[in-house]
Amino acid sequence: MTDETRGDQPFKRLFFALDCPPAQRKAIAQWRSELGLRTGKPVPADNFHLTLLFLGAVPLAQIAEVCEAAAKVRTPGEALRISLDRLQVWHRAGVLSLAPEQAPAGLLRLVYGLEQAMLPFGFEEATREYRPHLTLARDYRAPEPESATPPEFFLRAERFALFESHKGRYRIVQDWPLT
């Protein structure tokens, strides 16, 4: 495990997400390449995921407690199937992403459960409105690109995970079943 230090306390940058299966990553990356993007930094396909809750800097001493709290979150009881059928640009954040036209109720309940479970830890990011998305590019400063083929991807998840972000790479710290 890698770690960073803020002040005198080591920490990891963590977030909860649904992992994107390898075949889906490949299909999304191929579709993105057909957009012919001329701006932004493409997210490596290996980093494709659907964010549930960003925690930010978590002290190493707290990670076990965060995992214990996540393990108690009530899950949908079945695999989640999320349609990624909308290409969108978040101009202020400079993000190009895929998102569902409508988020499944099970996904929203999972996110709410995670938000509630993380409240005692005081993570700042937990107060943001949840917008499910899979980031395609960062530093994107252009209008929404035209696509010859509309996005029609389905992310199927049987587990949710706690990820670590370190030097541009994402790694699963721990995961839990949705069923």
N, C-alpha and C. Protein backbone atom coordinates (compact mmCIF):
# COMPACT_ATOMS: atom_id res chain seq x y z
N MET A 1 0.84 -1.18 0.00
CA MET A 1 0.00 0.00 0.00
C MET A 1 0.88 1.24 0.00
N THR A 2 0.53 2.17 -0.81
CA THR A 2 1.27 3.43 -0.85
C THR A 2 0.55 4.44 0.01
N ASP A 3 1.28 5.42 0.49
CA ASP A 3 0.62 6.45 1.26
C ASP A 3 1.32 7.78 1.08
N GLU A 4 0.60 8.83 1.39
CA GLU A 4 1.13 10.19 1.31
C GLU A 4 1.02 10.76 2.71
N THR A 5 1.61 11.93 2.91
CA THR A 5 1.57 12.56 4.23
C THR A 5 1.03 13.97 4.10
N ARG A 6 0.12 14.30 4.97
CA ARG A 6 -0.39 15.66 5.07
C ARG A 6 -0.07 16.10 6.49
N GLY A 7 0.81 17.09 6.61
CA GLY A 7 1.30 17.45 7.93
C GLY A 7 2.15 16.29 8.43
N ASP A 8 1.80 15.74 9.56
CA ASP A 8 2.56 14.60 10.08
C ASP A 8 1.74 13.31 10.03
N GLN A 9 0.56 13.38 9.39
CA GLN A 9 -0.33 12.23 9.37
C GLN A 9 -0.41 11.61 7.97
N PRO A 10 0.01 10.33 7.83
CA PRO A 10 -0.09 9.68 6.51
C PRO A 10 -1.55 9.44 6.13
N PHE A 11 -1.84 9.55 4.83
CA PHE A 11 -3.21 9.37 4.35
C PHE A 11 -3.21 8.74 2.97
N LYS A 12 -4.41 8.35 2.55
CA LYS A 12 -4.65 7.88 1.18
C LYS A 12 -5.84 8.65 0.62
N ARG A 13 -5.81 8.89 -0.70
CA ARG A 13 -6.95 9.53 -1.38
C ARG A 13 -7.89 8.41 -1.80
N LEU A 14 -9.10 8.41 -1.23
CA LEU A 14 -10.02 7.30 -1.41
C LEU A 14 -11.38 7.74 -1.95
N PHE A 15 -12.04 6.80 -2.63
CA PHE A 15 -13.40 7.02 -3.10
C PHE A 15 -14.09 5.67 -3.27
N PHE A 16 -15.41 5.68 -3.15
CA PHE A 16 -16.22 4.49 -3.41
C PHE A 16 -16.69 4.55 -4.86
N ALA A 17 -16.72 3.38 -5.52
CA ALA A 17 -17.14 3.35 -6.92
C ALA A 17 -17.57 1.94 -7.31
N LEU A 18 -18.21 1.88 -8.47
CA LEU A 18 -18.49 0.61 -9.13
C LEU A 18 -17.42 0.45 -10.20
N ASP A 19 -16.75 -0.67 -10.19
CA ASP A 19 -15.70 -0.92 -11.18
C ASP A 19 -16.34 -1.20 -12.53
N CYS A 20 -15.62 -0.89 -13.56
CA CYS A 20 -16.07 -1.13 -14.92
C CYS A 20 -15.37 -2.40 -15.43
N PRO A 21 -16.11 -3.42 -15.85
CA PRO A 21 -15.49 -4.66 -16.33
C PRO A 21 -14.59 -4.41 -17.55
N PRO A 22 -13.54 -5.21 -17.72
CA PRO A 22 -12.57 -5.01 -18.81
C PRO A 22 -13.20 -4.90 -20.21
N ALA A 23 -14.16 -5.75 -20.53
CA ALA A 23 -14.77 -5.70 -21.88
C ALA A 23 -15.52 -4.38 -22.06
N GLN A 24 -16.14 -3.91 -21.01
CA GLN A 24 -16.87 -2.64 -21.07
C GLN A 24 -15.89 -1.48 -21.21
N ARG A 25 -14.79 -1.54 -20.49
CA ARG A 25 -13.75 -0.50 -20.61
C ARG A 25 -13.28 -0.38 -22.06
N LYS A 26 -13.03 -1.53 -22.65
CA LYS A 26 -12.54 -1.55 -24.03
C LYS A 26 -13.56 -0.94 -24.99
N ALA A 27 -14.83 -1.30 -24.82
CA ALA A 27 -15.89 -0.78 -25.70
C ALA A 27 -16.05 0.73 -25.54
N ILE A 28 -16.01 1.20 -24.30
CA ILE A 28 -16.15 2.64 -24.05
C ILE A 28 -14.95 3.40 -24.61
N ALA A 29 -13.76 2.86 -24.41
CA ALA A 29 -12.54 3.52 -24.93
C ALA A 29 -12.58 3.60 -26.45
N GLN A 30 -13.04 2.54 -27.11
CA GLN A 30 -13.16 2.54 -28.56
C GLN A 30 -14.16 3.59 -29.02
N TRP A 31 -15.31 3.65 -28.36
CA TRP A 31 -16.33 4.65 -28.69
C TRP A 31 -15.77 6.06 -28.50
N ARG A 32 -15.06 6.27 -27.38
CA ARG A 32 -14.48 7.59 -27.11
C ARG A 32 -13.48 7.96 -28.20
N SER A 33 -12.67 7.02 -28.67
CA SER A 33 -11.68 7.33 -29.70
C SER A 33 -12.35 7.76 -31.00
N GLU A 34 -13.54 7.23 -31.27
CA GLU A 34 -14.29 7.61 -32.47
C GLU A 34 -14.85 9.03 -32.39
N LEU A 35 -14.85 9.62 -31.19
CA LEU A 35 -15.31 11.01 -31.04
C LEU A 35 -14.27 11.99 -31.59
N GLY A 36 -13.01 11.55 -31.72
CA GLY A 36 -11.96 12.41 -32.24
C GLY A 36 -11.72 13.65 -31.38
N LEU A 37 -11.64 13.45 -30.08
CA LEU A 37 -11.45 14.58 -29.16
C LEU A 37 -10.16 15.32 -29.46
N ARG A 38 -10.24 16.65 -29.45
CA ARG A 38 -9.07 17.49 -29.70
C ARG A 38 -8.69 18.31 -28.48
N THR A 39 -9.39 18.09 -27.40
CA THR A 39 -9.10 18.81 -26.16
C THR A 39 -9.27 17.85 -24.99
N GLY A 40 -8.69 18.21 -23.88
CA GLY A 40 -8.82 17.39 -22.67
C GLY A 40 -7.79 16.29 -22.58
N LYS A 41 -7.74 15.69 -21.42
CA LYS A 41 -6.83 14.56 -21.15
C LYS A 41 -7.69 13.31 -20.98
N PRO A 42 -7.60 12.38 -21.93
CA PRO A 42 -8.41 11.16 -21.81
C PRO A 42 -8.04 10.38 -20.54
N VAL A 43 -9.05 9.92 -19.84
CA VAL A 43 -8.84 9.06 -18.68
C VAL A 43 -8.42 7.69 -19.19
N PRO A 44 -7.36 7.10 -18.63
CA PRO A 44 -6.98 5.75 -19.08
C PRO A 44 -8.14 4.77 -18.87
N ALA A 45 -8.36 3.92 -19.85
CA ALA A 45 -9.47 2.96 -19.77
C ALA A 45 -9.39 2.11 -18.50
N ASP A 46 -8.20 1.82 -18.02
CA ASP A 46 -8.06 1.03 -16.79
C ASP A 46 -8.64 1.75 -15.58
N ASN A 47 -8.83 3.06 -15.68
CA ASN A 47 -9.38 3.84 -14.56
C ASN A 47 -10.88 4.07 -14.68
N PHE A 48 -11.54 3.54 -15.71
CA PHE A 48 -12.98 3.76 -15.85
C PHE A 48 -13.72 3.13 -14.66
N HIS A 49 -14.62 3.90 -14.08
CA HIS A 49 -15.44 3.47 -12.96
C HIS A 49 -16.63 4.42 -12.86
N LEU A 50 -17.63 4.03 -12.09
CA LEU A 50 -18.75 4.91 -11.81
C LEU A 50 -18.63 5.31 -10.34
N THR A 51 -18.31 6.57 -10.12
CA THR A 51 -18.10 7.08 -8.77
C THR A 51 -19.40 7.00 -7.96
N LEU A 52 -19.26 6.57 -6.72
CA LEU A 52 -20.38 6.57 -5.78
C LEU A 52 -20.22 7.70 -4.77
N LEU A 53 -19.03 7.79 -4.16
CA LEU A 53 -18.79 8.81 -3.14
C LEU A 53 -17.29 9.06 -3.03
N PHE A 54 -16.89 10.31 -3.22
CA PHE A 54 -15.49 10.70 -3.09
C PHE A 54 -15.22 11.07 -1.64
N LEU A 55 -14.20 10.47 -1.04
CA LEU A 55 -13.87 10.76 0.35
C LEU A 55 -12.73 11.76 0.47
N GLY A 56 -11.78 11.71 -0.45
CA GLY A 56 -10.62 12.59 -0.36
C GLY A 56 -9.54 11.97 0.51
N ALA A 57 -8.80 12.81 1.24
CA ALA A 57 -7.68 12.37 2.07
C ALA A 57 -8.19 11.69 3.34
N VAL A 58 -7.93 10.41 3.45
CA VAL A 58 -8.36 9.63 4.61
C VAL A 58 -7.10 9.18 5.36
N PRO A 59 -6.99 9.55 6.65
CA PRO A 59 -5.83 9.11 7.43
C PRO A 59 -5.74 7.58 7.44
N LEU A 60 -4.53 7.06 7.33
CA LEU A 60 -4.33 5.60 7.32
C LEU A 60 -4.99 4.94 8.52
N ALA A 61 -4.93 5.60 9.67
CA ALA A 61 -5.49 5.04 10.89
C ALA A 61 -7.02 4.88 10.82
N GLN A 62 -7.68 5.57 9.89
CA GLN A 62 -9.14 5.53 9.77
C GLN A 62 -9.65 4.54 8.73
N ILE A 63 -8.78 4.03 7.89
CA ILE A 63 -9.23 3.21 6.75
C ILE A 63 -9.97 1.95 7.20
N ALA A 64 -9.49 1.29 8.23
CA ALA A 64 -10.18 0.08 8.71
C ALA A 64 -11.59 0.42 9.19
N GLU A 65 -11.76 1.55 9.87
CA GLU A 65 -13.08 1.97 10.34
C GLU A 65 -13.98 2.32 9.16
N VAL A 66 -13.43 2.96 8.15
CA VAL A 66 -14.21 3.30 6.95
C VAL A 66 -14.70 2.00 6.30
N CYS A 67 -13.84 1.01 6.21
CA CYS A 67 -14.23 -0.28 5.62
C CYS A 67 -15.29 -0.98 6.45
N GLU A 68 -15.16 -0.93 7.77
CA GLU A 68 -16.17 -1.53 8.64
C GLU A 68 -17.52 -0.86 8.44
N ALA A 69 -17.53 0.45 8.34
CA ALA A 69 -18.78 1.19 8.14
C ALA A 69 -19.38 0.85 6.77
N ALA A 70 -18.55 0.75 5.74
CA ALA A 70 -19.03 0.43 4.39
C ALA A 70 -19.63 -0.98 4.36
N ALA A 71 -19.04 -1.90 5.10
CA ALA A 71 -19.53 -3.28 5.12
C ALA A 71 -20.95 -3.37 5.69
N LYS A 72 -21.36 -2.39 6.48
CA LYS A 72 -22.69 -2.39 7.11
C LYS A 72 -23.75 -1.69 6.26
N VAL A 73 -23.34 -1.09 5.15
CA VAL A 73 -24.29 -0.37 4.30
C VAL A 73 -25.26 -1.36 3.65
N ARG A 74 -26.52 -1.00 3.69
CA ARG A 74 -27.53 -1.86 3.07
C ARG A 74 -27.38 -1.76 1.55
N THR A 75 -27.25 -2.91 0.91
CA THR A 75 -27.06 -2.95 -0.54
C THR A 75 -28.38 -3.30 -1.24
N PRO A 76 -28.44 -3.12 -2.56
CA PRO A 76 -29.69 -3.39 -3.29
C PRO A 76 -30.16 -4.85 -3.23
N GLY A 77 -29.26 -5.78 -2.91
CA GLY A 77 -29.64 -7.19 -2.87
C GLY A 77 -29.59 -7.86 -4.22
N GLU A 78 -29.17 -7.11 -5.23
CA GLU A 78 -29.03 -7.65 -6.59
C GLU A 78 -27.99 -6.82 -7.33
N ALA A 79 -27.52 -7.36 -8.42
CA ALA A 79 -26.56 -6.61 -9.24
C ALA A 79 -27.23 -5.34 -9.77
N LEU A 80 -26.45 -4.30 -9.91
CA LEU A 80 -26.95 -3.04 -10.47
C LEU A 80 -26.66 -3.02 -11.96
N ARG A 81 -27.61 -2.53 -12.72
CA ARG A 81 -27.43 -2.37 -14.17
C ARG A 81 -27.71 -0.90 -14.47
N ILE A 82 -26.66 -0.20 -14.84
CA ILE A 82 -26.77 1.24 -15.06
C ILE A 82 -26.54 1.54 -16.52
N SER A 83 -27.50 2.20 -17.13
CA SER A 83 -27.40 2.60 -18.53
C SER A 83 -26.57 3.88 -18.61
N LEU A 84 -25.49 3.84 -19.36
CA LEU A 84 -24.67 5.03 -19.62
C LEU A 84 -25.02 5.48 -21.03
N ASP A 85 -26.06 6.30 -21.12
CA ASP A 85 -26.63 6.63 -22.41
C ASP A 85 -26.65 8.12 -22.71
N ARG A 86 -25.90 8.89 -21.92
CA ARG A 86 -25.88 10.33 -22.12
C ARG A 86 -24.45 10.86 -22.03
N LEU A 87 -24.01 11.51 -23.08
CA LEU A 87 -22.71 12.17 -23.09
C LEU A 87 -22.93 13.58 -22.56
N GLN A 88 -22.09 14.00 -21.62
CA GLN A 88 -22.27 15.33 -21.06
C GLN A 88 -20.94 16.00 -20.75
N VAL A 89 -20.97 17.33 -20.76
CA VAL A 89 -19.80 18.13 -20.41
C VAL A 89 -20.13 18.93 -19.16
N TRP A 90 -19.28 18.85 -18.17
CA TRP A 90 -19.38 19.70 -16.98
C TRP A 90 -18.36 20.80 -17.20
N HIS A 91 -18.81 21.94 -17.69
CA HIS A 91 -17.91 23.01 -18.09
C HIS A 91 -17.07 23.55 -16.94
N ARG A 92 -17.69 23.80 -15.78
CA ARG A 92 -16.92 24.34 -14.65
C ARG A 92 -15.82 23.39 -14.20
N ALA A 93 -16.12 22.12 -14.17
CA ALA A 93 -15.14 21.12 -13.73
C ALA A 93 -14.21 20.68 -14.87
N GLY A 94 -14.58 20.98 -16.11
CA GLY A 94 -13.78 20.57 -17.25
C GLY A 94 -13.78 19.06 -17.44
N VAL A 95 -14.97 18.45 -17.33
CA VAL A 95 -15.08 17.00 -17.40
C VAL A 95 -16.02 16.60 -18.53
N LEU A 96 -15.61 15.61 -19.31
CA LEU A 96 -16.45 14.97 -20.31
C LEU A 96 -16.79 13.60 -19.74
N SER A 97 -18.09 13.28 -19.66
CA SER A 97 -18.45 12.02 -19.02
C SER A 97 -19.65 11.36 -19.69
N LEU A 98 -19.82 10.09 -19.35
CA LEU A 98 -21.01 9.33 -19.70
C LEU A 98 -21.85 9.24 -18.43
N ALA A 99 -23.15 9.37 -18.58
CA ALA A 99 -24.03 9.32 -17.42
C ALA A 99 -25.33 8.63 -17.80
N PRO A 100 -26.06 8.17 -16.80
CA PRO A 100 -27.38 7.61 -17.11
C PRO A 100 -28.40 8.73 -17.28
N GLU A 101 -29.30 8.56 -18.24
CA GLU A 101 -30.41 9.51 -18.39
C GLU A 101 -31.21 9.53 -17.09
N GLN A 102 -31.38 8.34 -16.51
CA GLN A 102 -32.06 8.24 -15.22
C GLN A 102 -31.31 7.22 -14.37
N ALA A 103 -30.93 7.64 -13.18
CA ALA A 103 -30.20 6.75 -12.27
C ALA A 103 -31.16 5.74 -11.65
N PRO A 104 -30.77 4.46 -11.61
CA PRO A 104 -31.63 3.45 -10.98
C PRO A 104 -31.80 3.72 -9.48
N ALA A 105 -32.97 3.42 -8.97
CA ALA A 105 -33.27 3.65 -7.55
C ALA A 105 -32.28 2.91 -6.65
N GLY A 106 -31.90 1.69 -7.03
CA GLY A 106 -30.95 0.92 -6.22
C GLY A 106 -29.60 1.60 -6.10
N LEU A 107 -29.16 2.26 -7.17
CA LEU A 107 -27.90 3.01 -7.15
C LEU A 107 -28.01 4.19 -6.19
N LEU A 108 -29.11 4.92 -6.27
CA LEU A 108 -29.30 6.09 -5.40
C LEU A 108 -29.39 5.68 -3.93
N ARG A 109 -30.04 4.55 -3.65
CA ARG A 109 -30.12 4.08 -2.26
C ARG A 109 -28.74 3.66 -1.75
N LEU A 110 -27.93 3.04 -2.60
CA LEU A 110 -26.57 2.65 -2.21
C LEU A 110 -25.75 3.89 -1.87
N VAL A 111 -25.82 4.89 -2.72
CA VAL A 111 -25.06 6.13 -2.49
C VAL A 111 -25.51 6.79 -1.19
N TYR A 112 -26.81 6.86 -0.98
CA TYR A 112 -27.32 7.46 0.25
C TYR A 112 -26.82 6.69 1.48
N GLY A 113 -26.84 5.37 1.39
CA GLY A 113 -26.35 4.55 2.49
C GLY A 113 -24.88 4.81 2.79
N LEU A 114 -24.08 4.94 1.74
CA LEU A 114 -22.66 5.25 1.92
C LEU A 114 -22.48 6.64 2.53
N GLU A 115 -23.24 7.62 2.02
CA GLU A 115 -23.16 8.98 2.58
C GLU A 115 -23.46 8.96 4.07
N GLN A 116 -24.52 8.26 4.46
CA GLN A 116 -24.89 8.19 5.87
C GLN A 116 -23.83 7.47 6.69
N ALA A 117 -23.28 6.39 6.15
CA ALA A 117 -22.25 5.64 6.88
C ALA A 117 -20.96 6.43 7.06
N MET A 118 -20.69 7.38 6.15
CA MET A 118 -19.45 8.15 6.22
C MET A 118 -19.60 9.45 7.02
N LEU A 119 -20.83 9.84 7.38
CA LEU A 119 -21.05 11.08 8.13
C LEU A 119 -20.19 11.20 9.39
N PRO A 120 -20.07 10.14 10.20
CA PRO A 120 -19.28 10.28 11.43
C PRO A 120 -17.81 10.62 11.18
N PHE A 121 -17.32 10.37 9.98
CA PHE A 121 -15.92 10.63 9.67
C PHE A 121 -15.67 12.08 9.24
N GLY A 122 -16.73 12.81 8.89
CA GLY A 122 -16.61 14.22 8.56
C GLY A 122 -15.95 14.53 7.23
N PHE A 123 -16.08 13.66 6.25
CA PHE A 123 -15.50 13.93 4.94
C PHE A 123 -16.26 15.08 4.29
N GLU A 124 -15.54 16.09 3.81
CA GLU A 124 -16.13 17.30 3.23
C GLU A 124 -16.94 17.01 1.97
N GLU A 125 -16.43 16.14 1.12
CA GLU A 125 -17.06 15.88 -0.18
C GLU A 125 -18.43 15.23 -0.05
N ALA A 126 -18.71 14.65 1.09
CA ALA A 126 -19.97 13.90 1.26
C ALA A 126 -21.20 14.79 1.15
N THR A 127 -21.02 16.12 1.15
CA THR A 127 -22.17 17.01 1.10
C THR A 127 -22.58 17.40 -0.32
N ARG A 128 -21.80 17.01 -1.32
CA ARG A 128 -22.14 17.35 -2.70
C ARG A 128 -23.31 16.52 -3.21
N GLU A 129 -24.07 17.13 -4.13
CA GLU A 129 -25.17 16.41 -4.76
C GLU A 129 -24.59 15.30 -5.64
N TYR A 130 -25.18 14.12 -5.55
CA TYR A 130 -24.66 12.98 -6.31
C TYR A 130 -25.11 13.04 -7.76
N ARG A 131 -24.14 12.95 -8.67
CA ARG A 131 -24.41 12.87 -10.11
C ARG A 131 -23.63 11.68 -10.66
N PRO A 132 -24.30 10.54 -10.88
CA PRO A 132 -23.57 9.37 -11.36
C PRO A 132 -22.94 9.64 -12.73
N HIS A 133 -21.70 9.21 -12.88
CA HIS A 133 -21.00 9.45 -14.14
C HIS A 133 -19.75 8.57 -14.24
N LEU A 134 -19.32 8.39 -15.46
CA LEU A 134 -18.05 7.73 -15.77
C LEU A 134 -17.25 8.76 -16.55
N THR A 135 -16.12 9.20 -15.99
CA THR A 135 -15.33 10.26 -16.60
C THR A 135 -14.55 9.72 -17.80
N LEU A 136 -14.72 10.39 -18.95
CA LEU A 136 -14.00 10.04 -20.18
C LEU A 136 -12.75 10.88 -20.36
N ALA A 137 -12.83 12.17 -19.97
CA ALA A 137 -11.68 13.09 -20.14
C ALA A 137 -11.76 14.19 -19.08
N ARG A 138 -10.59 14.64 -18.65
CA ARG A 138 -10.47 15.77 -17.72
C ARG A 138 -9.90 16.96 -18.49
N ASP A 139 -9.97 18.14 -17.92
CA ASP A 139 -9.49 19.37 -18.56
C ASP A 139 -10.13 19.54 -19.94
N TYR A 140 -11.38 19.14 -20.05
CA TYR A 140 -12.10 19.22 -21.32
C TYR A 140 -12.72 20.61 -21.43
N ARG A 141 -12.34 21.36 -22.46
CA ARG A 141 -12.79 22.75 -22.62
C ARG A 141 -13.40 22.98 -24.00
N ALA A 142 -14.43 22.23 -24.32
CA ALA A 142 -15.08 22.36 -25.62
C ALA A 142 -16.56 22.00 -25.46
N PRO A 143 -17.36 22.29 -26.47
CA PRO A 143 -18.76 21.85 -26.41
C PRO A 143 -18.85 20.32 -26.46
N GLU A 144 -20.02 19.82 -26.22
CA GLU A 144 -20.23 18.37 -26.28
C GLU A 144 -19.92 17.88 -27.69
N PRO A 145 -19.07 16.87 -27.82
CA PRO A 145 -18.70 16.40 -29.16
C PRO A 145 -19.86 15.67 -29.85
N GLU A 146 -19.85 15.74 -31.16
CA GLU A 146 -20.84 15.01 -31.95
C GLU A 146 -20.42 13.54 -32.02
N SER A 147 -21.40 12.67 -31.95
CA SER A 147 -21.13 11.24 -32.00
C SER A 147 -21.94 10.61 -33.11
N ALA A 148 -21.27 9.86 -33.98
CA ALA A 148 -21.97 9.15 -35.06
C ALA A 148 -22.87 8.06 -34.47
N THR A 149 -22.44 7.50 -33.35
CA THR A 149 -23.19 6.46 -32.66
C THR A 149 -23.50 6.95 -31.25
N PRO A 150 -24.77 7.03 -30.88
CA PRO A 150 -25.07 7.49 -29.52
C PRO A 150 -24.54 6.49 -28.48
N PRO A 151 -24.21 6.99 -27.29
CA PRO A 151 -23.72 6.07 -26.26
C PRO A 151 -24.85 5.15 -25.79
N GLU A 152 -24.57 3.87 -25.79
CA GLU A 152 -25.52 2.87 -25.32
C GLU A 152 -24.76 1.78 -24.57
N PHE A 153 -24.26 2.14 -23.39
CA PHE A 153 -23.49 1.20 -22.60
C PHE A 153 -24.28 0.85 -21.35
N PHE A 154 -24.09 -0.38 -20.89
CA PHE A 154 -24.73 -0.83 -19.66
C PHE A 154 -23.65 -1.34 -18.73
N LEU A 155 -23.51 -0.66 -17.61
CA LEU A 155 -22.55 -1.06 -16.60
C LEU A 155 -23.28 -2.00 -15.65
N ARG A 156 -22.80 -3.23 -15.56
CA ARG A 156 -23.40 -4.20 -14.64
C ARG A 156 -22.42 -4.41 -13.50
N ALA A 157 -22.88 -4.16 -12.29
CA ALA A 157 -22.00 -4.27 -11.12
C ALA A 157 -22.60 -5.24 -10.11
N GLU A 158 -21.76 -6.15 -9.65
CA GLU A 158 -22.17 -7.10 -8.61
C GLU A 158 -21.51 -6.76 -7.28
N ARG A 159 -20.57 -5.79 -7.31
CA ARG A 159 -19.85 -5.38 -6.10
C ARG A 159 -19.63 -3.87 -6.14
N PHE A 160 -19.45 -3.28 -4.98
CA PHE A 160 -18.98 -1.90 -4.91
C PHE A 160 -17.65 -1.92 -4.18
N ALA A 161 -16.82 -0.92 -4.42
CA ALA A 161 -15.46 -0.97 -3.91
C ALA A 161 -15.00 0.37 -3.36
N LEU A 162 -14.02 0.27 -2.47
CA LEU A 162 -13.28 1.44 -2.00
C LEU A 162 -11.99 1.46 -2.81
N PHE A 163 -11.78 2.56 -3.53
CA PHE A 163 -10.61 2.70 -4.39
C PHE A 163 -9.63 3.69 -3.77
N GLU A 164 -8.36 3.46 -4.08
CA GLU A 164 -7.31 4.42 -3.76
C GLU A 164 -6.86 5.07 -5.06
N SER A 165 -6.68 6.38 -5.02
CA SER A 165 -6.13 7.12 -6.15
C SER A 165 -4.71 7.52 -5.78
N HIS A 166 -3.75 7.06 -6.58
CA HIS A 166 -2.34 7.36 -6.30
C HIS A 166 -1.59 7.57 -7.61
N LYS A 167 -1.10 8.76 -7.81
CA LYS A 167 -0.31 9.11 -9.00
C LYS A 167 -1.01 8.73 -10.29
N GLY A 168 -2.30 9.05 -10.37
CA GLY A 168 -3.05 8.83 -11.60
C GLY A 168 -3.52 7.41 -11.83
N ARG A 169 -3.30 6.54 -10.87
CA ARG A 169 -3.74 5.14 -10.99
C ARG A 169 -4.73 4.84 -9.88
N TYR A 170 -5.71 3.99 -10.18
CA TYR A 170 -6.71 3.61 -9.20
C TYR A 170 -6.53 2.14 -8.85
N ARG A 171 -6.68 1.84 -7.57
CA ARG A 171 -6.50 0.48 -7.09
C ARG A 171 -7.59 0.18 -6.07
N ILE A 172 -8.19 -0.99 -6.15
CA ILE A 172 -9.22 -1.38 -5.19
C ILE A 172 -8.55 -1.73 -3.86
N VAL A 173 -9.03 -1.08 -2.80
CA VAL A 173 -8.54 -1.36 -1.45
C VAL A 173 -9.33 -2.52 -0.86
N GLN A 174 -10.67 -2.44 -1.01
CA GLN A 174 -11.56 -3.51 -0.55
C GLN A 174 -12.87 -3.40 -1.31
N ASP A 175 -13.55 -4.53 -1.47
CA ASP A 175 -14.86 -4.47 -2.13
C ASP A 175 -15.87 -5.35 -1.40
N TRP A 176 -17.16 -5.10 -1.70
CA TRP A 176 -18.26 -5.76 -1.01
C TRP A 176 -19.32 -6.15 -2.03
N PRO A 177 -20.00 -7.28 -1.80
CA PRO A 177 -21.05 -7.70 -2.75
C PRO A 177 -22.30 -6.84 -2.64
N LEU A 178 -22.99 -6.68 -3.75
CA LEU A 178 -24.26 -5.96 -3.77
C LEU A 178 -25.42 -6.91 -3.49
N THR A 179 -25.16 -8.21 -3.62
CA THR A 179 -26.22 -9.21 -3.42
C THR A 179 -26.19 -9.79 -2.02
